């Protein structure tokens, strides 16, 4: 099993005819994703050739879903048009919308996330790398070759650290890796992914990557303490970030003692999470936890 996507997921690419959409559609197809169509207003009836196979382009999400029975959309639409694209996806009936676009104004994100919540549609992102269940489906921009299938679940705010952790733990592999994005407002939070991994019988260990700013990690720590039975290994990026500075993602800003890496680490450790001080050390802690699980299973 996996979470949110699987080998049967039927994926539409909004913005497939653009440079980035075309490039990453090719990569998703090569990693086994079932791309059933693209959506670009004004280009209905055309197609794009990938590996000698034409992929149809539709002018609106509703038409694309009706023709393909798609259940997932991934958005590679420029920031100025991203809100309209996500709202089009939400109204179409797909259950999952993955928004890769960065630089979307916060007020636009708030509007389309509220619409998605009202419609019961899950949004991952914006400003995220997407998600991958290696060997099954890859929706977004995560490189498929850096790791394979396994029993680790990964949830991360950082795209770069998602890639690094997948590579560091490539000897064990992943059930699903989810990059939730680092904007101040995102659709899917750490808690949502933690819950899904807890319920997934093919995930034995969870690795959670956070970063400075906000209180998402502290809230995740409270959730872990109350609801997660599986071992969780954590890492918080930004121990050297000075207070009052925005570092990397738009959401990574700290004020006084709130939102610091130290405060998040303390909250996670109080919830029983083992927290690494570097990505490589975090990966080693994950390996140690897997070894412990294997020993325990033989007793």
C-alpha atoms as a PDB file:
ATOM      1  CA  UNK A   1       0.000   0.000   0.000  1.00  0.00           C
ATOM      2  CA  UNK A   2       0.916   3.675  -0.041  1.00  0.00           C
ATOM      3  CA  UNK A   3      -0.765   6.908   0.976  1.00  0.00           C
ATOM      4  CA  UNK A   4      -2.673   9.380  -1.210  1.00  0.00           C
ATOM      5  CA  UNK A   5      -1.483   7.833  -4.515  1.00  0.00           C
ATOM      6  CA  UNK A   6      -0.962   4.320  -5.856  1.00  0.00           C
ATOM      7  CA  UNK A   7      -0.297   2.417  -9.069  1.00  0.00           C
ATOM      8  CA  UNK A   8      -3.895   2.983 -10.174  1.00  0.00           C
ATOM      9  CA  UNK A   9      -3.856   6.770  -9.748  1.00  0.00           C
ATOM     10  CA  UNK A  10      -4.911   8.526 -12.956  1.00  0.00           C
ATOM     11  CA  UNK A  11      -3.121  11.858 -13.183  1.00  0.00           C
ATOM     12  CA  UNK A  12      -3.868  15.044 -15.110  1.00  0.00           C
ATOM     13  CA  UNK A  13      -1.141  17.660 -15.574  1.00  0.00           C
ATOM     14  CA  UNK A  14      -2.369  21.247 -15.503  1.00  0.00           C
ATOM     15  CA  UNK A  15       0.134  23.261 -17.504  1.00  0.00           C
ATOM     16  CA  UNK A  16       1.485  20.210 -19.346  1.00  0.00           C
ATOM     17  CA  UNK A  17       2.098  22.206 -22.525  1.00  0.00           C
ATOM     18  CA  UNK A  18       4.481  24.626 -20.774  1.00  0.00           C
ATOM     19  CA  UNK A  19       8.229  24.088 -20.434  1.00  0.00           C
ATOM     20  CA  UNK A  20       8.217  22.850 -16.842  1.00  0.00           C
ATOM     21  CA  UNK A  21       5.000  20.900 -17.216  1.00  0.00           C
ATOM     22  CA  UNK A  22       6.278  19.104 -20.290  1.00  0.00           C
ATOM     23  CA  UNK A  23       9.655  18.302 -18.712  1.00  0.00           C
ATOM     24  CA  UNK A  24       8.223  16.878 -15.528  1.00  0.00           C
ATOM     25  CA  UNK A  25       5.414  15.039 -17.309  1.00  0.00           C
ATOM     26  CA  UNK A  26       8.109  13.154 -19.178  1.00  0.00           C
ATOM     27  CA  UNK A  27       9.848  12.318 -15.896  1.00  0.00           C
ATOM     28  CA  UNK A  28       6.615  11.207 -14.253  1.00  0.00           C
ATOM     29  CA  UNK A  29       5.768   8.933 -17.180  1.00  0.00           C
ATOM     30  CA  UNK A  30       9.248   7.408 -17.110  1.00  0.00           C
ATOM     31  CA  UNK A  31       8.801   6.569 -13.414  1.00  0.00           C
ATOM     32  CA  UNK A  32       5.557   4.723 -14.063  1.00  0.00           C
ATOM     33  CA  UNK A  33       2.928   7.383 -13.326  1.00  0.00           C
ATOM     34  CA  UNK A  34      -0.327   6.969 -15.241  1.00  0.00           C
ATOM     35  CA  UNK A  35      -0.600  10.355 -16.960  1.00  0.00           C
ATOM     36  CA  UNK A  36      -3.984  10.382 -18.674  1.00  0.00           C
ATOM     37  CA  UNK A  37      -4.083  13.949 -19.966  1.00  0.00           C
ATOM     38  CA  UNK A  38      -3.072  17.553 -19.699  1.00  0.00           C
ATOM     39  CA  UNK A  39      -5.128  20.700 -19.180  1.00  0.00           C
ATOM     40  CA  UNK A  40      -4.343  24.056 -20.773  1.00  0.00           C
ATOM     41  CA  UNK A  41      -7.110  26.607 -21.470  1.00  0.00           C
ATOM     42  CA  UNK A  42      -7.332  27.346 -25.178  1.00  0.00           C
ATOM     43  CA  UNK A  43      -5.537  24.155 -26.280  1.00  0.00           C
ATOM     44  CA  UNK A  44      -8.371  21.644 -26.156  1.00  0.00           C
ATOM     45  CA  UNK A  45      -8.157  18.995 -28.860  1.00  0.00           C
ATOM     46  CA  UNK A  46      -4.374  19.072 -29.164  1.00  0.00           C
ATOM     47  CA  UNK A  47      -1.915  16.537 -27.785  1.00  0.00           C
ATOM     48  CA  UNK A  48       1.686  16.278 -26.631  1.00  0.00           C
ATOM     49  CA  UNK A  49       3.940  13.413 -27.672  1.00  0.00           C
ATOM     50  CA  UNK A  50       5.802  11.532 -24.921  1.00  0.00           C
ATOM     51  CA  UNK A  51       7.862   8.476 -25.872  1.00  0.00           C
ATOM     52  CA  UNK A  52       5.903   8.259 -29.152  1.00  0.00           C
ATOM     53  CA  UNK A  53       2.595   8.171 -27.255  1.00  0.00           C
ATOM     54  CA  UNK A  54       0.283  11.190 -27.615  1.00  0.00           C
ATOM     55  CA  UNK A  55      -1.219  12.535 -24.386  1.00  0.00           C
ATOM     56  CA  UNK A  56      -4.443  14.497 -24.994  1.00  0.00           C
ATOM     57  CA  UNK A  57      -4.831  18.107 -23.899  1.00  0.00           C
ATOM     58  CA  UNK A  58      -8.136  19.465 -22.613  1.00  0.00           C
ATOM     59  CA  UNK A  59      -9.246  23.026 -22.120  1.00  0.00           C
ATOM     60  CA  UNK A  60     -10.824  22.554 -18.693  1.00  0.00           C
ATOM     61  CA  UNK A  61     -10.531  20.112 -15.828  1.00  0.00           C
ATOM     62  CA  UNK A  62     -14.177  19.064 -15.913  1.00  0.00           C
ATOM     63  CA  UNK A  63     -13.826  17.959 -19.540  1.00  0.00           C
ATOM     64  CA  UNK A  64     -10.583  16.151 -18.764  1.00  0.00           C
ATOM     65  CA  UNK A  65     -12.030  14.265 -15.799  1.00  0.00           C
ATOM     66  CA  UNK A  66     -15.134  13.294 -17.757  1.00  0.00           C
ATOM     67  CA  UNK A  67     -13.001  11.897 -20.586  1.00  0.00           C
ATOM     68  CA  UNK A  68     -10.280  10.179 -18.550  1.00  0.00           C
ATOM     69  CA  UNK A  69     -11.800   9.364 -15.147  1.00  0.00           C
ATOM     70  CA  UNK A  70      -8.763  11.026 -13.548  1.00  0.00           C
ATOM     71  CA  UNK A  71      -8.563  11.258  -9.760  1.00  0.00           C
ATOM     72  CA  UNK A  72      -5.380  13.323  -9.303  1.00  0.00           C
ATOM     73  CA  UNK A  73      -4.183  16.635 -10.717  1.00  0.00           C
ATOM     74  CA  UNK A  74      -0.721  18.155 -10.539  1.00  0.00           C
ATOM     75  CA  UNK A  75      -0.378  21.889 -11.168  1.00  0.00           C
ATOM     76  CA  UNK A  76       2.533  23.414 -13.116  1.00  0.00           C
ATOM     77  CA  UNK A  77       0.816  26.739 -13.778  1.00  0.00           C
ATOM     78  CA  UNK A  78       2.517  30.163 -13.321  1.00  0.00           C
ATOM     79  CA  UNK A  79       1.624  31.989 -10.069  1.00  0.00           C
ATOM     80  CA  UNK A  80      -0.675  34.532 -11.707  1.00  0.00           C
ATOM     81  CA  UNK A  81      -2.950  31.779 -13.021  1.00  0.00           C
ATOM     82  CA  UNK A  82      -2.470  29.166 -10.303  1.00  0.00           C
ATOM     83  CA  UNK A  83      -5.559  30.117  -8.290  1.00  0.00           C
ATOM     84  CA  UNK A  84      -7.829  29.691 -11.297  1.00  0.00           C
ATOM     85  CA  UNK A  85      -6.180  26.364 -12.122  1.00  0.00           C
ATOM     86  CA  UNK A  86      -6.603  24.959  -8.612  1.00  0.00           C
ATOM     87  CA  UNK A  87     -10.218  26.143  -8.397  1.00  0.00           C
ATOM     88  CA  UNK A  88     -10.858  24.484 -11.761  1.00  0.00           C
ATOM     89  CA  UNK A  89      -9.392  21.255 -10.367  1.00  0.00           C
ATOM     90  CA  UNK A  90     -11.403  21.461  -7.151  1.00  0.00           C
ATOM     91  CA  UNK A  91     -14.650  21.855  -9.094  1.00  0.00           C
ATOM     92  CA  UNK A  92     -13.825  18.951 -11.423  1.00  0.00           C
ATOM     93  CA  UNK A  93     -14.265  16.140  -8.925  1.00  0.00           C
ATOM     94  CA  UNK A  94     -10.674  14.918  -8.499  1.00  0.00           C
ATOM     95  CA  UNK A  95      -9.811  13.953  -4.946  1.00  0.00           C
ATOM     96  CA  UNK A  96      -6.196  15.142  -4.848  1.00  0.00           C
ATOM     97  CA  UNK A  97      -4.568  18.307  -6.235  1.00  0.00           C
ATOM     98  CA  UNK A  98      -0.779  18.650  -6.000  1.00  0.00           C
ATOM     99  CA  UNK A  99       0.331  22.276  -6.444  1.00  0.00           C
ATOM    100  CA  UNK A 100       3.994  22.510  -7.447  1.00  0.00           C
ATOM    101  CA  UNK A 101       3.909  26.238  -8.289  1.00  0.00           C
ATOM    102  CA  UNK A 102       5.908  28.538  -6.029  1.00  0.00           C
ATOM    103  CA  UNK A 103       5.358  32.255  -5.572  1.00  0.00           C
ATOM    104  CA  UNK A 104       1.574  32.075  -5.331  1.00  0.00           C
ATOM    105  CA  UNK A 105       0.228  35.062  -3.333  1.00  0.00           C
ATOM    106  CA  UNK A 106      -0.909  33.948   0.121  1.00  0.00           C
ATOM    107  CA  UNK A 107      -4.390  35.390  -0.346  1.00  0.00           C
ATOM    108  CA  UNK A 108      -4.798  33.264  -3.481  1.00  0.00           C
ATOM    109  CA  UNK A 109      -3.711  30.155  -1.579  1.00  0.00           C
ATOM    110  CA  UNK A 110      -6.114  30.917   1.259  1.00  0.00           C
ATOM    111  CA  UNK A 111      -8.985  31.205  -1.236  1.00  0.00           C
ATOM    112  CA  UNK A 112      -8.378  27.993  -3.141  1.00  0.00           C
ATOM    113  CA  UNK A 113      -7.534  26.001  -0.008  1.00  0.00           C
ATOM    114  CA  UNK A 114     -10.827  27.075   1.564  1.00  0.00           C
ATOM    115  CA  UNK A 115     -12.673  25.991  -1.574  1.00  0.00           C
ATOM    116  CA  UNK A 116     -10.856  22.649  -1.546  1.00  0.00           C
ATOM    117  CA  UNK A 117     -11.689  22.066   2.114  1.00  0.00           C
ATOM    118  CA  UNK A 118     -15.364  22.798   1.488  1.00  0.00           C
ATOM    119  CA  UNK A 119     -15.370  20.364  -1.444  1.00  0.00           C
ATOM    120  CA  UNK A 120     -13.541  17.611   0.432  1.00  0.00           C
ATOM    121  CA  UNK A 121     -10.537  17.777  -1.909  1.00  0.00           C
ATOM    122  CA  UNK A 122      -7.029  17.222  -0.562  1.00  0.00           C
ATOM    123  CA  UNK A 123      -4.420  19.766  -1.690  1.00  0.00           C
ATOM    124  CA  UNK A 124      -0.702  19.136  -1.279  1.00  0.00           C
ATOM    125  CA  UNK A 125       1.299  22.359  -1.549  1.00  0.00           C
ATOM    126  CA  UNK A 126       1.578  24.948  -2.883  1.00  0.00           C
ATOM    127  CA  UNK A 127       5.319  25.384  -3.401  1.00  0.00           C
ATOM    128  CA  UNK A 128       6.044  21.711  -2.874  1.00  0.00           C
ATOM    129  CA  UNK A 129       7.917  18.922  -4.687  1.00  0.00           C
ATOM    130  CA  UNK A 130       4.879  16.639  -4.653  1.00  0.00           C
ATOM    131  CA  UNK A 131       4.845  13.029  -3.545  1.00  0.00           C
ATOM    132  CA  UNK A 132       6.136   9.654  -4.657  1.00  0.00           C
ATOM    133  CA  UNK A 133       5.370   6.044  -3.877  1.00  0.00           C
ATOM    134  CA  UNK A 134       8.424   4.457  -5.505  1.00  0.00           C
ATOM    135  CA  UNK A 135       7.572   1.862  -8.091  1.00  0.00           C
ATOM    136  CA  UNK A 136       3.900   2.877  -8.090  1.00  0.00           C
ATOM    137  CA  UNK A 137       3.367   6.556  -8.865  1.00  0.00           C
ATOM    138  CA  UNK A 138       5.261   9.837  -8.807  1.00  0.00           C
ATOM    139  CA  UNK A 139       3.275  13.084  -8.833  1.00  0.00           C
ATOM    140  CA  UNK A 140       5.449  16.191  -8.938  1.00  0.00           C
ATOM    141  CA  UNK A 141       9.166  16.815  -9.319  1.00  0.00           C
ATOM    142  CA  UNK A 142      10.804  14.317  -6.935  1.00  0.00           C
ATOM    143  CA  UNK A 143      13.535  12.422  -8.835  1.00  0.00           C
ATOM    144  CA  UNK A 144      12.420   8.794  -9.079  1.00  0.00           C
ATOM    145  CA  UNK A 145      15.906   7.294  -9.311  1.00  0.00           C
ATOM    146  CA  UNK A 146      17.202   8.414  -5.904  1.00  0.00           C
ATOM    147  CA  UNK A 147      15.412   5.707  -3.927  1.00  0.00           C
ATOM    148  CA  UNK A 148      13.178   2.689  -4.261  1.00  0.00           C
ATOM    149  CA  UNK A 149      10.227   1.055  -2.531  1.00  0.00           C
ATOM    150  CA  UNK A 150      10.467   0.235   1.155  1.00  0.00           C
ATOM    151  CA  UNK A 151       8.703   0.647   4.477  1.00  0.00           C
ATOM    152  CA  UNK A 152       9.713   4.175   5.536  1.00  0.00           C
ATOM    153  CA  UNK A 153       7.204   7.011   5.348  1.00  0.00           C
ATOM    154  CA  UNK A 154       8.658  10.494   4.850  1.00  0.00           C
ATOM    155  CA  UNK A 155       6.949  13.848   5.357  1.00  0.00           C
ATOM    156  CA  UNK A 156       8.921  17.043   4.793  1.00  0.00           C
ATOM    157  CA  UNK A 157       8.492  20.784   4.442  1.00  0.00           C
ATOM    158  CA  UNK A 158      11.664  21.029   2.351  1.00  0.00           C
ATOM    159  CA  UNK A 159      12.005  19.737  -1.177  1.00  0.00           C
ATOM    160  CA  UNK A 160      15.791  19.598  -1.054  1.00  0.00           C
ATOM    161  CA  UNK A 161      15.790  17.737   2.247  1.00  0.00           C
ATOM    162  CA  UNK A 162      13.177  15.342   0.877  1.00  0.00           C
ATOM    163  CA  UNK A 163      15.599  14.401  -1.871  1.00  0.00           C
ATOM    164  CA  UNK A 164      18.559  14.158   0.492  1.00  0.00           C
ATOM    165  CA  UNK A 165      16.738  11.955   2.982  1.00  0.00           C
ATOM    166  CA  UNK A 166      15.462   9.659   0.250  1.00  0.00           C
ATOM    167  CA  UNK A 167      18.999   9.289  -1.078  1.00  0.00           C
ATOM    168  CA  UNK A 168      20.498   8.788   2.395  1.00  0.00           C
ATOM    169  CA  UNK A 169      17.990   6.002   3.089  1.00  0.00           C
ATOM    170  CA  UNK A 170      17.963   4.479  -0.387  1.00  0.00           C
ATOM    171  CA  UNK A 171      19.200   1.198   1.073  1.00  0.00           C
ATOM    172  CA  UNK A 172      15.859   0.834   2.871  1.00  0.00           C
ATOM    173  CA  UNK A 173      13.390   2.622   0.565  1.00  0.00           C
ATOM    174  CA  UNK A 174      10.035   4.295   1.083  1.00  0.00           C
ATOM    175  CA  UNK A 175       6.356   3.495   1.113  1.00  0.00           C
ATOM    176  CA  UNK A 176       5.585   7.123   0.272  1.00  0.00           C
ATOM    177  CA  UNK A 177       7.487  10.396   0.529  1.00  0.00           C
ATOM    178  CA  UNK A 178       5.401  13.577   0.756  1.00  0.00           C
ATOM    179  CA  UNK A 179       6.749  17.106   0.380  1.00  0.00           C
ATOM    180  CA  UNK A 180       4.083  19.320   1.926  1.00  0.00           C
ATOM    181  CA  UNK A 181       5.689  22.662   1.000  1.00  0.00           C
ATOM    182  CA  UNK A 182       7.059  25.494   3.075  1.00  0.00           C
ATOM    183  CA  UNK A 183       4.656  28.356   2.370  1.00  0.00           C
ATOM    184  CA  UNK A 184       2.882  30.022   5.321  1.00  0.00           C
ATOM    185  CA  UNK A 185      -0.384  28.389   4.193  1.00  0.00           C
ATOM    186  CA  UNK A 186      -0.458  24.854   2.781  1.00  0.00           C
ATOM    187  CA  UNK A 187      -3.225  22.368   2.231  1.00  0.00           C
ATOM    188  CA  UNK A 188      -1.789  19.233   3.826  1.00  0.00           C
ATOM    189  CA  UNK A 189       0.070  19.478   7.126  1.00  0.00           C
ATOM    190  CA  UNK A 190       2.472  17.182   8.940  1.00  0.00           C
ATOM    191  CA  UNK A 191      -0.423  15.898  11.059  1.00  0.00           C
ATOM    192  CA  UNK A 192      -2.427  14.797   8.010  1.00  0.00           C
ATOM    193  CA  UNK A 193       0.480  12.779   6.669  1.00  0.00           C
ATOM    194  CA  UNK A 194       1.379  11.337  10.067  1.00  0.00           C
ATOM    195  CA  UNK A 195      -2.176  10.054  10.438  1.00  0.00           C
ATOM    196  CA  UNK A 196      -2.066   8.454   6.989  1.00  0.00           C
ATOM    197  CA  UNK A 197       1.241   6.737   7.740  1.00  0.00           C
ATOM    198  CA  UNK A 198      -0.074   5.483  11.077  1.00  0.00           C
ATOM    199  CA  UNK A 199      -2.956   3.835   9.219  1.00  0.00           C
ATOM    200  CA  UNK A 200      -0.788   2.435   6.401  1.00  0.00           C
ATOM    201  CA  UNK A 201       0.134  -1.213   7.073  1.00  0.00           C
ATOM    202  CA  UNK A 202       3.148  -0.977   4.759  1.00  0.00           C
ATOM    203  CA  UNK A 203       4.781   1.881   6.687  1.00  0.00           C
ATOM    204  CA  UNK A 204       6.833   0.749   9.687  1.00  0.00           C
ATOM    205  CA  UNK A 205       8.805   3.917  10.453  1.00  0.00           C
ATOM    206  CA  UNK A 206       8.087   7.614   9.917  1.00  0.00           C
ATOM    207  CA  UNK A 207      10.687  10.299   9.204  1.00  0.00           C
ATOM    208  CA  UNK A 208       9.452  13.860   9.694  1.00  0.00           C
ATOM    209  CA  UNK A 209      11.395  16.891   8.476  1.00  0.00           C
ATOM    210  CA  UNK A 210      10.421  20.346   9.677  1.00  0.00           C
ATOM    211  CA  UNK A 211      12.016  23.752   9.657  1.00  0.00           C
ATOM    212  CA  UNK A 212      11.972  26.992  11.569  1.00  0.00           C
ATOM    213  CA  UNK A 213       8.912  29.232  11.571  1.00  0.00           C
ATOM    214  CA  UNK A 214       5.328  28.760  12.640  1.00  0.00           C
ATOM    215  CA  UNK A 215       4.120  26.099  15.039  1.00  0.00           C
ATOM    216  CA  UNK A 216       3.333  23.182  12.729  1.00  0.00           C
ATOM    217  CA  UNK A 217       6.032  20.993  14.241  1.00  0.00           C
ATOM    218  CA  UNK A 218       4.893  21.723  17.799  1.00  0.00           C
ATOM    219  CA  UNK A 219       1.330  20.790  16.851  1.00  0.00           C
ATOM    220  CA  UNK A 220       2.640  17.671  15.143  1.00  0.00           C
ATOM    221  CA  UNK A 221       4.489  16.766  18.349  1.00  0.00           C
ATOM    222  CA  UNK A 222       1.235  16.954  20.322  1.00  0.00           C
ATOM    223  CA  UNK A 223      -0.455  14.776  17.719  1.00  0.00           C
ATOM    224  CA  UNK A 224       2.346  12.214  17.764  1.00  0.00           C
ATOM    225  CA  UNK A 225       2.211  11.933  21.546  1.00  0.00           C
ATOM    226  CA  UNK A 226      -1.527  11.273  21.473  1.00  0.00           C
ATOM    227  CA  UNK A 227      -2.032   9.289  18.278  1.00  0.00           C
ATOM    228  CA  UNK A 228       1.087   7.741  16.700  1.00  0.00           C
ATOM    229  CA  UNK A 229       2.248   4.286  17.763  1.00  0.00           C
ATOM    230  CA  UNK A 230       4.950   3.863  15.122  1.00  0.00           C
ATOM    231  CA  UNK A 231       8.485   5.155  15.736  1.00  0.00           C
ATOM    232  CA  UNK A 232       9.120   8.676  14.436  1.00  0.00           C
ATOM    233  CA  UNK A 233      12.542  10.113  13.597  1.00  0.00           C
ATOM    234  CA  UNK A 234      12.710  13.902  13.227  1.00  0.00           C
ATOM    235  CA  UNK A 235      14.895  16.654  11.872  1.00  0.00           C
ATOM    236  CA  UNK A 236      14.376  20.412  12.080  1.00  0.00           C
ATOM    237  CA  UNK A 237      16.224  22.593   9.589  1.00  0.00           C
ATOM    238  CA  UNK A 238      17.440  26.028  10.661  1.00  0.00           C
ATOM    239  CA  UNK A 239      19.393  25.705  13.923  1.00  0.00           C
ATOM    240  CA  UNK A 240      21.755  28.478  12.816  1.00  0.00           C
ATOM    241  CA  UNK A 241      19.085  30.853  11.503  1.00  0.00           C
ATOM    242  CA  UNK A 242      19.096  34.281  13.198  1.00  0.00           C
ATOM    243  CA  UNK A 243      15.818  35.461  14.788  1.00  0.00           C
ATOM    244  CA  UNK A 244      13.607  37.713  12.665  1.00  0.00           C
ATOM    245  CA  UNK A 245      14.983  36.493   9.351  1.00  0.00           C
ATOM    246  CA  UNK A 246      13.097  34.663   6.644  1.00  0.00           C
ATOM    247  CA  UNK A 247      15.192  31.693   5.640  1.00  0.00           C
ATOM    248  CA  UNK A 248      14.412  29.794   2.450  1.00  0.00           C
ATOM    249  CA  UNK A 249      10.679  29.195   2.437  1.00  0.00           C
ATOM    250  CA  UNK A 250       8.266  32.041   2.965  1.00  0.00           C
ATOM    251  CA  UNK A 251       6.957  30.339   6.084  1.00  0.00           C
ATOM    252  CA  UNK A 252      10.374  29.963   7.711  1.00  0.00           C
ATOM    253  CA  UNK A 253      10.435  33.051   9.895  1.00  0.00           C
ATOM    254  CA  UNK A 254      11.003  33.089  13.640  1.00  0.00           C
ATOM    255  CA  UNK A 255      10.061  35.718  16.200  1.00  0.00           C
ATOM    256  CA  UNK A 256      11.823  35.774  19.540  1.00  0.00           C
ATOM    257  CA  UNK A 257      11.893  32.267  20.960  1.00  0.00           C
ATOM    258  CA  UNK A 258       8.879  31.118  18.956  1.00  0.00           C
ATOM    259  CA  UNK A 259       9.376  28.993  15.879  1.00  0.00           C
ATOM    260  CA  UNK A 260      13.037  28.252  16.562  1.00  0.00           C
ATOM    261  CA  UNK A 261      14.625  24.933  15.709  1.00  0.00           C
ATOM    262  CA  UNK A 262      15.532  24.422  19.367  1.00  0.00           C
ATOM    263  CA  UNK A 263      11.931  24.913  20.509  1.00  0.00           C
ATOM    264  CA  UNK A 264      10.656  22.496  17.866  1.00  0.00           C
ATOM    265  CA  UNK A 265      13.295  19.913  18.743  1.00  0.00           C
ATOM    266  CA  UNK A 266      12.352  20.145  22.412  1.00  0.00           C
ATOM    267  CA  UNK A 267       8.651  19.666  21.632  1.00  0.00           C
ATOM    268  CA  UNK A 268       9.308  16.677  19.390  1.00  0.00           C
ATOM    269  CA  UNK A 269      11.619  14.986  21.865  1.00  0.00           C
ATOM    270  CA  UNK A 270       9.043  15.477  24.611  1.00  0.00           C
ATOM    271  CA  UNK A 271       6.634  13.520  22.387  1.00  0.00           C
ATOM    272  CA  UNK A 272       9.077  10.637  22.065  1.00  0.00           C
ATOM    273  CA  UNK A 273      10.496  11.589  18.674  1.00  0.00           C
ATOM    274  CA  UNK A 274      14.220  10.959  18.231  1.00  0.00           C
ATOM    275  CA  UNK A 275      15.606  14.109  16.599  1.00  0.00           C
ATOM    276  CA  UNK A 276      18.821  14.262  14.583  1.00  0.00           C
ATOM    277  CA  UNK A 277      21.065  17.312  14.480  1.00  0.00           C
ATOM    278  CA  UNK A 278      21.940  16.901  10.792  1.00  0.00           C
ATOM    279  CA  UNK A 279      20.238  15.148   7.868  1.00  0.00           C
ATOM    280  CA  UNK A 280      22.910  12.445   7.797  1.00  0.00           C
ATOM    281  CA  UNK A 281      22.617  11.803  11.523  1.00  0.00           C
ATOM    282  CA  UNK A 282      18.846  11.682  11.141  1.00  0.00           C
ATOM    283  CA  UNK A 283      19.232   9.035   8.445  1.00  0.00           C
ATOM    284  CA  UNK A 284      21.477   7.016  10.739  1.00  0.00           C
ATOM    285  CA  UNK A 285      18.916   7.253  13.519  1.00  0.00           C
ATOM    286  CA  UNK A 286      16.330   5.927  11.065  1.00  0.00           C
ATOM    287  CA  UNK A 287      18.594   2.981  10.196  1.00  0.00           C
ATOM    288  CA  UNK A 288      19.074   2.249  13.890  1.00  0.00           C
ATOM    289  CA  UNK A 289      15.305   2.327  14.438  1.00  0.00           C
ATOM    290  CA  UNK A 290      14.735  -0.070  11.525  1.00  0.00           C
ATOM    291  CA  UNK A 291      17.326  -2.461  12.930  1.00  0.00           C
ATOM    292  CA  UNK A 292      15.599  -2.325  16.299  1.00  0.00           C
ATOM    293  CA  UNK A 293      12.244  -3.072  14.686  1.00  0.00           C
ATOM    294  CA  UNK A 294      13.709  -6.090  12.914  1.00  0.00           C
ATOM    295  CA  UNK A 295      15.199  -7.448  16.118  1.00  0.00           C
ATOM    296  CA  UNK A 296      11.920  -6.920  17.936  1.00  0.00           C
ATOM    297  CA  UNK A 297       9.976  -8.739  15.213  1.00  0.00           C
ATOM    298  CA  UNK A 298      12.104 -11.873  15.642  1.00  0.00           C
ATOM    299  CA  UNK A 299      11.456 -12.157  19.366  1.00  0.00           C
END
